[in-house]
Amino acid sequence: MKKTPFQPLSCDIMSEERVKKVASGKRNRNIEMKRKRDVEEQGHQRKKSPLSEHHEREERREEEREEEREERREEGTERRKRPLSMEGYAKSEEGGNIQKRPCLEEKRPLPLRITSYSIHAVLGQGGFGTVMLATCSNRRKPVAMKVIDKAEDERSIVKEVRLMRMASGCPFLCHAHAAFQTKLTACIVMEYASGNSLKKFIKRTGKLKMDAITFYTAEIICGLQFLHANGIVHRDIKLGNILLTGEGHIKIADFGLAVEGMFGQRKVKGKAGTVKYMAPEVLQLRSYDAGADWWSLGIVICKMATGMTPFFEDGNNDTFISSVIRDEPLFPNCLSAEIKDLLHKLLEKDPEKRLGFISNIRAHPVFYSINWKQLERQEILPPLCPAELTTQDKKYFKPPMMLMEEGGSDSSNAKILDLSFLNYSWKR
């Protein structure tokens, strides 16, 4: 038999085919093994699918609960940032325990709406309005609300609001918190001097001692000098317009008759104020300036010290006016020489020579004991502490319907422009 010679190329070809078969077999085995593993895994998953779904549901629920808790935490943080209503808490002392009910979200009342206020009493009434004791629903301290009929001079109403805003620069002047209007009235919300007026205080306690007279006069001087430095003449300085705070400091109130722009040599004419406090130049219808306020201060001091004016009074205004114009003031002997000298210089009939207008009244011997810097900072303890009048001393007072008519700020034909004012430093 003839032998075939060895052919390396053919052998190499067979070797390659064998390699291919081996590789193909490996691939097939790998594919088969992978298929088996997939089948096993699928079977395993099919066996555990109910439990897995349960775990998934529980995880989703837990995530939802966590989201809800996070939302409540954020809501609670936001609520704590907002002012809380005092009515949101209820305390009971049964068994010595204090119980607290949840605080409901409060709708803050608007301080420029009459419905946000509760009226408790009428504090005073005059030709230029009624002053009432009131409280704003979301503020603790009571306020004095002056209600003015808008049928009056609108310019005077706006001027009074403007002057009260300016008065915030002096602690001895009554400050305004807010001003707004209803259909028929203009309302000025002011700080409440709970010690009442000097007039009512003296009526209840009698004439004052010298230390109290000196202290109150010095504080009035600070208030008047602030007004005059800003070109304002009050024109109605009297005991009824000098209010006392609960601590015993004074507040000059009622700027309804005040005039502005009184700088330099400017003067005004016309009767204004209360007859018994009017200066001779006012009673005689002559032109006058800030000197008229210093005359009125002299009458205030005399009434604090003696309970009466130093001129003849018989109940007739004409007789009194005649005495003011012609007679020299008369003072009782019980007054000291220093206080008599002060009164003579304040009640000088010639306004050009009147104390306060021509020289520094603070340098008068009556005030030697006063540290004016401490007084201006209200660091001197008042000699008297008047009894405070609070809202608890007065029953609820139902305001007249004309006051409760709203809408003037946006719908009334009798709208006063630029009246609305709110002092944002007004604390709760």
Protein backbone atom coordinates (compact mmCIF):
# COMPACT_ATOMS: atom_id res chain seq x y z
CA MET A 1 0.00 0.00 0.00
CA LYS A 2 1.37 3.29 -1.01
CA LYS A 3 1.86 5.68 1.91
CA THR A 4 0.77 9.28 1.72
CA PRO A 5 3.47 11.71 2.62
CA PHE A 6 3.09 13.86 5.70
CA GLN A 7 1.38 17.15 4.90
CA PRO A 8 1.80 19.69 7.72
CA LEU A 9 -0.61 22.16 6.11
CA SER A 10 -3.47 19.69 6.20
CA CYS A 11 -2.67 18.87 9.78
CA ASP A 12 -2.76 22.54 10.63
CA ILE A 13 -6.17 22.86 8.99
CA MET A 14 -7.57 19.99 11.00
CA SER A 15 -6.08 21.50 14.11
CA GLU A 16 -7.89 24.75 13.43
CA GLU A 17 -11.15 22.93 12.85
CA ARG A 18 -10.71 21.08 16.09
CA VAL A 19 -9.99 24.33 17.91
CA LYS A 20 -13.11 25.81 16.44
CA LYS A 21 -15.15 22.81 17.56
CA VAL A 22 -13.73 23.02 21.06
CA ALA A 23 -14.38 26.73 21.25
CA SER A 24 -17.88 26.25 19.92
CA GLY A 25 -18.49 23.54 22.49
CA LYS A 26 -17.30 25.78 25.28
CA ARG A 27 -19.56 28.57 24.12
CA ASN A 28 -22.50 26.21 23.96
CA ARG A 29 -21.74 24.91 27.41
CA ASN A 30 -21.43 28.47 28.75
CA ILE A 31 -24.72 29.43 27.14
CA GLU A 32 -26.37 26.37 28.57
CA MET A 33 -24.99 27.04 32.04
CA LYS A 34 -26.11 30.63 31.87
CA ARG A 35 -29.55 29.52 30.74
CA LYS A 36 -29.75 27.11 33.66
CA ARG A 37 -28.64 29.81 36.10
CA ASP A 38 -31.25 32.21 34.70
CA VAL A 39 -33.89 29.53 35.03
CA GLU A 40 -32.83 28.84 38.60
CA GLU A 41 -32.81 32.53 39.47
CA GLN A 42 -36.21 33.03 37.89
CA GLY A 43 -37.51 30.07 39.81
CA HIS A 44 -35.97 31.40 42.98
CA GLN A 45 -37.54 34.81 42.35
CA ARG A 46 -40.89 33.21 41.58
CA LYS A 47 -40.74 31.38 44.87
CA LYS A 48 -39.92 34.62 46.85
CA SER A 49 -42.00 37.16 44.91
CA PRO A 50 -44.88 37.50 47.45
CA LEU A 51 -42.48 38.29 50.28
CA SER A 52 -40.46 40.61 48.10
CA GLU A 53 -43.57 42.51 47.06
CA HIS A 54 -44.56 42.78 50.71
CA HIS A 55 -41.16 44.22 51.60
CA GLU A 56 -41.39 46.64 48.74
CA ARG A 57 -44.83 47.80 49.85
CA GLU A 58 -43.59 48.25 53.41
CA GLU A 59 -40.61 50.25 52.19
CA ARG A 60 -42.86 52.50 50.11
CA ARG A 61 -45.20 53.04 53.07
CA GLU A 62 -42.29 53.87 55.36
CA GLU A 63 -40.99 56.37 52.81
CA GLU A 64 -44.44 57.98 52.61
CA ARG A 65 -44.69 58.15 56.41
CA GLU A 66 -41.24 59.74 56.60
CA GLU A 67 -42.26 62.33 54.01
CA GLU A 68 -45.38 63.15 56.04
CA ARG A 69 -43.33 63.51 59.23
CA GLU A 70 -40.90 65.81 57.43
CA GLU A 71 -43.78 67.95 56.15
CA ARG A 72 -45.21 68.22 59.68
CA ARG A 73 -41.82 69.20 61.06
CA GLU A 74 -41.47 71.92 58.42
CA GLU A 75 -45.01 73.14 59.12
CA GLY A 76 -44.30 73.25 62.85
CA THR A 77 -41.11 75.22 62.28
CA GLU A 78 -42.99 77.73 60.11
CA ARG A 79 -45.77 78.03 62.70
CA ARG A 80 -43.24 78.76 65.44
CA LYS A 81 -41.89 81.59 63.34
CA ARG A 82 -45.33 83.21 63.25
CA PRO A 83 -46.73 85.13 66.27
CA LEU A 84 -48.90 82.92 68.43
CA SER A 85 -52.35 83.89 69.55
CA MET A 86 -52.76 84.37 73.28
CA GLU A 87 -56.14 82.76 72.88
CA GLY A 88 -54.49 79.59 71.62
CA TYR A 89 -53.61 78.62 75.15
CA ALA A 90 -55.98 77.65 77.93
CA LYS A 91 -54.68 77.18 81.44
CA SER A 92 -56.53 75.48 84.26
CA GLU A 93 -55.20 75.00 87.74
CA GLU A 94 -57.36 72.03 88.64
CA GLY A 95 -55.28 69.73 90.77
CA GLY A 96 -52.32 72.04 90.35
CA ASN A 97 -51.86 71.04 86.72
CA ILE A 98 -51.59 73.48 83.87
CA GLN A 99 -53.27 72.23 80.75
CA LYS A 100 -52.55 73.62 77.34
CA ARG A 101 -54.79 73.25 74.34
CA PRO A 102 -53.35 73.44 70.84
CA CYS A 103 -52.69 76.85 69.40
CA LEU A 104 -54.84 77.50 66.37
CA GLU A 105 -53.48 79.50 63.49
CA GLU A 106 -54.28 83.15 64.10
CA LYS A 107 -55.59 85.64 61.60
CA ARG A 108 -53.84 88.83 62.68
CA PRO A 109 -56.19 91.80 62.89
CA LEU A 110 -55.30 94.82 60.81
CA PRO A 111 -54.43 97.87 62.96
CA LEU A 112 -55.84 100.19 60.28
CA ARG A 113 -59.41 98.83 60.56
CA ILE A 114 -61.84 99.92 63.25
CA THR A 115 -63.13 96.36 63.65
CA SER A 116 -59.72 95.36 65.05
CA TYR A 117 -60.35 97.45 68.18
CA SER A 118 -62.46 97.00 71.28
CA ILE A 119 -63.72 100.27 72.80
CA HIS A 120 -63.83 100.33 76.62
CA ALA A 121 -64.60 103.89 77.73
CA VAL A 122 -64.77 107.55 76.77
CA LEU A 123 -61.74 109.31 78.24
CA GLY A 124 -62.57 112.81 77.09
CA GLN A 125 -64.69 114.81 74.69
CA GLY A 126 -64.19 118.21 73.15
CA GLY A 127 -64.83 120.35 70.12
CA PHE A 128 -62.21 118.52 68.08
CA GLY A 129 -63.18 114.93 68.75
CA THR A 130 -63.74 112.20 71.29
CA VAL A 131 -60.93 110.25 72.94
CA MET A 132 -61.71 106.66 73.90
CA LEU A 133 -59.89 103.90 75.73
CA ALA A 134 -59.42 100.94 73.38
CA THR A 135 -57.43 97.80 72.77
CA CYS A 136 -56.22 96.36 69.48
CA SER A 137 -56.98 92.64 69.29
CA ASN A 138 -53.39 91.45 68.86
CA ARG A 139 -51.66 93.94 71.17
CA ARG A 140 -51.53 93.80 74.92
CA LYS A 141 -51.30 97.44 75.93
CA PRO A 142 -54.41 99.65 75.77
CA VAL A 143 -54.40 102.69 73.51
CA ALA A 144 -56.18 106.01 73.34
CA MET A 145 -58.21 106.44 70.16
CA LYS A 146 -59.15 109.94 69.08
CA VAL A 147 -62.18 109.94 66.79
CA ILE A 148 -62.80 113.07 64.71
CA ASP A 149 -65.79 113.78 62.50
CA LYS A 150 -64.56 114.17 58.92
CA ALA A 151 -67.02 117.00 58.44
CA GLU A 152 -64.47 119.10 60.36
CA ASP A 153 -61.54 120.77 58.62
CA GLU A 154 -59.70 117.95 56.83
CA ARG A 155 -56.46 119.91 56.77
CA SER A 156 -56.50 120.15 60.56
CA ILE A 157 -56.98 116.38 60.84
CA VAL A 158 -54.07 115.60 58.53
CA LYS A 159 -51.94 118.23 60.30
CA GLU A 160 -52.57 116.64 63.70
CA VAL A 161 -51.55 113.22 62.38
CA ARG A 162 -48.42 114.74 60.85
CA LEU A 163 -47.47 116.51 64.10
CA MET A 164 -48.00 113.39 66.17
CA ARG A 165 -45.67 111.49 63.87
CA MET A 166 -43.06 114.20 64.40
CA ALA A 167 -43.64 114.03 68.18
CA SER A 168 -42.12 110.56 68.30
CA GLY A 169 -38.73 112.25 68.64
CA CYS A 170 -39.49 113.52 72.16
CA PRO A 171 -40.45 111.36 75.18
CA PHE A 172 -42.51 114.20 76.68
CA LEU A 173 -44.95 114.40 73.76
CA CYS A 174 -47.82 112.00 73.10
CA HIS A 175 -46.93 109.59 70.28
CA ALA A 176 -49.18 108.18 67.57
CA HIS A 177 -49.33 104.47 66.72
CA ALA A 178 -51.65 104.57 63.71
CA ALA A 179 -54.20 106.67 61.82
CA PHE A 180 -56.99 105.59 59.49
CA GLN A 181 -60.52 106.55 58.50
CA THR A 182 -64.01 105.13 58.35
CA LYS A 183 -66.80 106.50 56.16
CA LEU A 184 -67.63 109.27 58.62
CA THR A 185 -64.67 109.61 60.98
CA ALA A 186 -60.92 109.89 61.16
CA CYS A 187 -59.27 107.80 63.87
CA ILE A 188 -55.90 108.48 65.50
CA VAL A 189 -54.53 105.66 67.67
CA MET A 190 -52.19 107.08 70.33
CA GLU A 191 -50.22 105.79 73.26
CA TYR A 192 -52.35 105.65 76.39
CA ALA A 193 -51.16 107.64 79.42
CA SER A 194 -52.67 105.49 82.15
CA GLY A 195 -52.06 108.03 84.93
CA ASN A 196 -54.76 110.35 83.53
CA SER A 197 -54.35 114.13 83.12
CA LEU A 198 -52.77 116.59 85.55
CA LYS A 199 -56.16 118.26 85.82
CA LYS A 200 -57.87 115.12 87.14
CA PHE A 201 -54.85 114.21 89.25
CA ILE A 202 -54.83 117.58 91.03
CA LYS A 203 -58.61 117.48 91.42
CA ARG A 204 -58.25 114.16 93.23
CA THR A 205 -55.13 114.90 95.32
CA GLY A 206 -55.19 118.69 95.73
CA LYS A 207 -52.35 121.13 95.01
CA LEU A 208 -48.89 119.67 94.55
CA LYS A 209 -45.75 119.99 96.62
CA MET A 210 -42.78 121.95 95.35
CA ASP A 211 -40.68 118.95 94.32
CA ALA A 212 -43.51 117.62 92.13
CA ILE A 213 -44.14 121.09 90.65
CA THR A 214 -40.46 121.48 89.78
CA PHE A 215 -40.24 118.02 88.22
CA TYR A 216 -43.39 118.30 86.10
CA THR A 217 -42.55 121.85 85.01
CA ALA A 218 -39.07 120.75 83.91
CA GLU A 219 -40.50 117.92 81.78
CA ILE A 220 -43.07 120.28 80.24
CA ILE A 221 -40.23 122.69 79.40
CA CYS A 222 -38.41 119.89 77.55
CA GLY A 223 -41.53 119.13 75.52
CA LEU A 224 -42.21 122.78 74.68
CA GLN A 225 -38.63 123.46 73.65
CA PHE A 226 -38.72 120.45 71.32
CA LEU A 227 -41.91 121.76 69.68
CA HIS A 228 -40.61 125.31 69.35
CA ALA A 229 -37.28 124.10 67.91
CA ASN A 230 -39.31 122.37 65.18
CA GLY A 231 -41.34 125.51 64.44
CA ILE A 232 -44.50 124.37 66.24
CA VAL A 233 -46.59 126.43 68.66
CA HIS A 234 -49.01 124.26 70.64
CA ARG A 235 -51.54 127.03 71.53
CA ASP A 236 -53.49 124.85 74.00
CA ILE A 237 -51.15 124.14 76.90
CA LYS A 238 -53.32 123.43 79.96
CA LEU A 239 -53.65 120.92 82.79
CA GLY A 240 -56.13 118.85 80.79
CA ASN A 241 -53.60 118.38 77.97
CA ILE A 242 -50.73 117.39 80.28
CA LEU A 243 -51.04 113.63 80.73
CA LEU A 244 -49.28 111.35 83.22
CA THR A 245 -47.89 107.94 82.38
CA GLY A 246 -48.16 105.03 84.78
CA GLU A 247 -44.54 105.71 85.84
CA GLY A 248 -45.30 109.37 86.60
CA HIS A 249 -43.75 111.15 83.60
CA ILE A 250 -45.67 113.77 81.62
CA LYS A 251 -46.92 113.69 78.03
CA ILE A 252 -48.08 116.83 76.22
CA ALA A 253 -51.14 115.86 74.16
CA ASP A 254 -53.68 117.29 71.69
CA PHE A 255 -52.06 119.00 68.70
CA GLY A 256 -55.38 119.93 67.10
CA LEU A 257 -54.80 123.69 67.52
CA ALA A 258 -51.06 123.71 66.92
CA VAL A 259 -49.54 125.77 64.11
CA GLU A 260 -46.50 124.80 62.03
CA GLY A 261 -43.69 126.69 60.37
CA MET A 262 -43.24 129.16 63.23
CA PHE A 263 -39.61 130.00 62.53
CA GLY A 264 -37.84 133.35 62.74
CA GLN A 265 -40.15 136.35 63.06
CA ARG A 266 -43.30 134.62 61.82
CA LYS A 267 -46.44 135.20 63.90
CA VAL A 268 -50.09 134.18 63.75
CA LYS A 269 -53.40 135.76 64.73
CA GLY A 270 -56.66 134.47 66.12
CA LYS A 271 -57.98 133.08 69.39
CA ALA A 272 -57.05 129.49 70.03
CA GLY A 273 -57.02 127.42 73.18
CA THR A 274 -58.73 127.75 76.56
CA VAL A 275 -59.55 131.26 77.78
CA LYS A 276 -58.01 130.93 81.25
CA TYR A 277 -54.68 129.88 79.72
CA MET A 278 -54.58 132.44 76.88
CA ALA A 279 -51.89 135.10 76.80
CA PRO A 280 -52.93 138.80 76.69
CA GLU A 281 -51.83 139.16 73.05
CA VAL A 282 -54.07 136.22 72.09
CA LEU A 283 -57.07 137.64 73.97
CA GLN A 284 -56.51 141.03 72.32
CA LEU A 285 -56.40 139.41 68.86
CA ARG A 286 -52.86 140.64 68.26
CA SER A 287 -50.26 138.60 66.40
CA TYR A 288 -48.26 136.21 68.57
CA ASP A 289 -45.67 133.44 68.48
CA ALA A 290 -44.23 130.78 70.80
CA GLY A 291 -44.34 133.27 73.69
CA ALA A 292 -48.05 132.41 74.08
CA ASP A 293 -47.09 128.86 75.13
CA TRP A 294 -44.78 130.19 77.87
CA TRP A 295 -47.62 132.29 79.29
CA SER A 296 -49.81 129.17 79.36
CA LEU A 297 -47.04 127.33 81.22
CA GLY A 298 -47.09 130.06 83.87
CA ILE A 299 -50.83 129.47 84.42
CA VAL A 300 -50.22 125.69 84.61
CA ILE A 301 -47.55 126.17 87.31
CA CYS A 302 -49.80 128.51 89.27
CA LYS A 303 -52.66 125.99 89.19
CA MET A 304 -50.36 123.16 90.30
CA ALA A 305 -49.16 125.28 93.24
CA THR A 306 -52.37 127.06 94.29
CA GLY A 307 -55.26 125.37 92.47
CA MET A 308 -56.30 128.64 90.79
CA THR A 309 -55.16 131.33 88.36
CA PRO A 310 -53.52 134.55 89.65
CA PHE A 311 -56.24 136.75 88.09
CA PHE A 312 -59.71 137.76 89.17
CA GLU A 313 -62.38 135.14 88.52
CA ASP A 314 -66.11 135.47 89.08
CA GLY A 315 -67.36 132.99 86.51
CA ASN A 316 -67.60 135.64 83.80
CA ASN A 317 -65.12 135.34 80.94
CA ASP A 318 -65.25 139.06 80.14
CA THR A 319 -64.27 139.95 83.70
CA PHE A 320 -61.44 137.43 83.65
CA ILE A 321 -60.15 138.66 80.27
CA SER A 322 -60.19 142.24 81.53
CA SER A 323 -58.18 141.20 84.60
CA VAL A 324 -55.58 139.37 82.48
CA ILE A 325 -55.09 142.40 80.24
CA ARG A 326 -54.99 145.08 82.97
CA ASP A 327 -54.06 143.53 86.33
CA GLU A 328 -50.77 142.23 87.65
CA PRO A 329 -50.86 138.59 88.80
CA LEU A 330 -51.37 138.01 92.52
CA PHE A 331 -49.78 135.07 94.34
CA PRO A 332 -50.37 133.75 97.86
CA ASN A 333 -47.68 134.26 100.49
CA CYS A 334 -47.20 130.50 100.88
CA LEU A 335 -45.23 130.40 97.63
CA SER A 336 -41.44 130.73 97.80
CA ALA A 337 -39.62 133.74 96.41
CA GLU A 338 -38.08 131.60 93.65
CA ILE A 339 -41.41 130.27 92.36
CA LYS A 340 -42.96 133.75 92.53
CA ASP A 341 -40.07 135.13 90.48
CA LEU A 342 -40.51 132.35 87.91
CA LEU A 343 -44.25 133.05 87.63
CA HIS A 344 -43.76 136.82 87.30
CA LYS A 345 -41.30 136.28 84.44
CA LEU A 346 -43.56 133.77 82.65
CA LEU A 347 -46.67 135.93 83.10
CA GLU A 348 -45.00 139.02 81.66
CA LYS A 349 -47.58 140.89 79.55
CA ASP A 350 -44.99 141.96 76.99
CA PRO A 351 -44.18 138.77 75.02
CA GLU A 352 -40.82 140.23 73.94
CA LYS A 353 -39.72 140.26 77.61
CA ARG A 354 -41.30 136.96 78.63
CA LEU A 355 -39.10 134.21 80.09
CA GLY A 356 -38.69 131.28 77.76
CA PHE A 357 -38.69 133.58 74.76
CA ILE A 358 -35.75 135.84 75.67
CA SER A 359 -33.54 133.68 77.91
CA ASN A 360 -32.81 130.14 79.00
CA ILE A 361 -35.58 129.14 81.38
CA ARG A 362 -33.57 126.09 82.47
CA ALA A 363 -31.11 128.38 84.22
CA HIS A 364 -33.74 129.77 86.60
CA PRO A 365 -33.01 129.10 90.32
CA VAL A 366 -36.16 126.97 90.65
CA PHE A 367 -34.43 124.31 88.51
CA TYR A 368 -31.01 124.32 90.18
CA SER A 369 -31.62 120.81 91.49
CA ILE A 370 -32.49 119.41 88.05
CA ASN A 371 -29.94 117.42 86.05
CA TRP A 372 -31.34 118.21 82.62
CA LYS A 373 -29.47 115.48 80.75
CA GLN A 374 -30.77 112.81 83.11
CA LEU A 375 -34.24 114.36 82.94
CA GLU A 376 -34.28 114.21 79.14
CA ARG A 377 -33.37 110.52 79.30
CA GLN A 378 -36.11 109.98 81.92
CA GLU A 379 -33.53 108.71 84.39
CA ILE A 380 -34.88 110.79 87.29
CA LEU A 381 -37.45 109.00 89.42
CA PRO A 382 -40.78 110.91 89.35
CA PRO A 383 -41.87 112.22 92.78
CA LEU A 384 -45.38 110.82 92.38
CA CYS A 385 -46.73 107.61 90.92
CA PRO A 386 -50.37 108.09 89.90
CA ALA A 387 -52.93 105.31 90.08
CA GLU A 388 -53.19 103.64 86.69
CA LEU A 389 -56.50 103.38 84.88
CA THR A 390 -56.72 100.09 82.98
CA THR A 391 -59.31 98.48 80.75
CA GLN A 392 -60.38 96.35 83.70
CA ASP A 393 -61.53 99.51 85.48
CA LYS A 394 -64.01 100.19 82.67
CA LYS A 395 -66.85 98.12 81.34
CA TYR A 396 -67.04 97.39 77.64
CA PHE A 397 -68.37 100.42 75.81
CA LYS A 398 -70.33 99.91 72.62
CA PRO A 399 -69.13 102.55 70.15
CA PRO A 400 -71.64 104.59 68.15
CA MET A 401 -72.67 103.25 64.77
CA MET A 402 -71.02 106.16 62.97
CA LEU A 403 -67.68 104.92 64.26
CA MET A 404 -68.23 101.36 63.11
CA GLU A 405 -69.07 102.31 59.52
CA GLU A 406 -66.08 101.12 57.54
CA GLY A 407 -64.94 101.74 54.01
CA GLY A 408 -63.67 105.29 54.16
CA SER A 409 -60.15 104.24 53.35
CA ASP A 410 -61.15 103.01 49.92
CA SER A 411 -64.77 103.71 49.06
CA SER A 412 -65.99 106.88 50.75
CA ASN A 413 -66.58 110.02 48.76
CA ALA A 414 -65.31 111.94 51.79
CA LYS A 415 -61.92 110.28 51.59
CA ILE A 416 -59.00 112.12 53.17
CA LEU A 417 -55.89 111.57 51.10
CA ASP A 418 -52.63 110.53 52.74
CA LEU A 419 -54.21 109.94 56.14
CA SER A 420 -53.23 106.31 56.69
CA PHE A 421 -50.25 105.94 59.01
CA LEU A 422 -48.81 103.00 60.92
CA ASN A 423 -45.82 103.13 63.23
CA TYR A 424 -44.10 99.79 62.59
CA SER A 425 -42.17 100.05 65.85
CA TRP A 426 -45.46 99.77 67.72
CA LYS A 427 -44.72 96.77 69.96
CA ARG A 428 -47.12 94.07 71.01
